Amino acid sequence: MRWHCLQHMPNEGPGHATDWLASHGHSLTFTKLFEPNLLLPALADFDGLLILGGAMSVRDEKNLPWLREEKAFVREALRAGKITLAICLGAQLVAEALGAEVRPNHAPEIGFWTVRFSAKSLEHPLLRGWPEKAAVLHWHFDTFTVPPGAVRVGMSAATATQGFVWGDGVIGLQFHPEMTVGMVEQLMAFEGHEQAEEQEFVQTAEQIRSKLKSVWKGRKLLEALLENLVALHESEAAALAAV
């Protein structure tokens, strides 16, 4: 399966997804939106779209004009029925494209917090193999409503909508299942989190480090999700071949 990744920041790459895709024989190409000379791929050049997070907001089009091009590209990919996995900012971009509202959350959510997955979402084929709850990494200030026609993935104490599944092959996650231990350290350094004080839904750097083993819970969720997305693609390809 041919995957294409929209990466917004140098320190927020595909993480665990890179290893799983490579070990299962799938290709991964990139559009790095932080680099000059933006060149987005043709829709025919990929089967699955991976949209990552970033420190910017979906509202930053004035300062980051490439956001307009990216948003148009995401809308085209959705209209074309592309299998899509979107994380954090990526989920917010897809949610907006599907008609949801993206707005500041009532509080920032930073650190490892438990997400309870909805019973309805766990019935969806894309979430096959997921548990009822998991402590996963969060790093966001914005949130979104559930897009029309979508199913809410779950919720945490700080955030009512922790993701959504739309149709058969589009999923957006507010949390970060892709991040490795090294990526978490890089993110804390980039955000200057070393001196951050504890808040209701913000853990200190020390508290985050004490919970770093939880990145493996996120990795398991991500790997099950990728396996289910690939199975969907293979099923669709077989159905087309039989016509």
Foldseek 3Di string as FASTA:
>chain_A
DEEEEEAEDPLWDQALVVVLCVVVPYHYHYQHLVDPDGDDDDLVRGQEYEYIDDPDALPCCVVRVCSVVVLVVLLVNVVVVGQYEYEARRQVSNLVSLPKDKFFFPAWAFAWFKWAFDPVLCVALLQPPADRMATFGAGDGMAIDERPQWAAGTATPRGGGQKTDHPNGYIYGNTDLRDAPVSVVVVCVVVVQQPPDDDPRHDGPVRRVVVRVRSVVSSVSVSSNVVSNVVVVVVVVVVVVVD
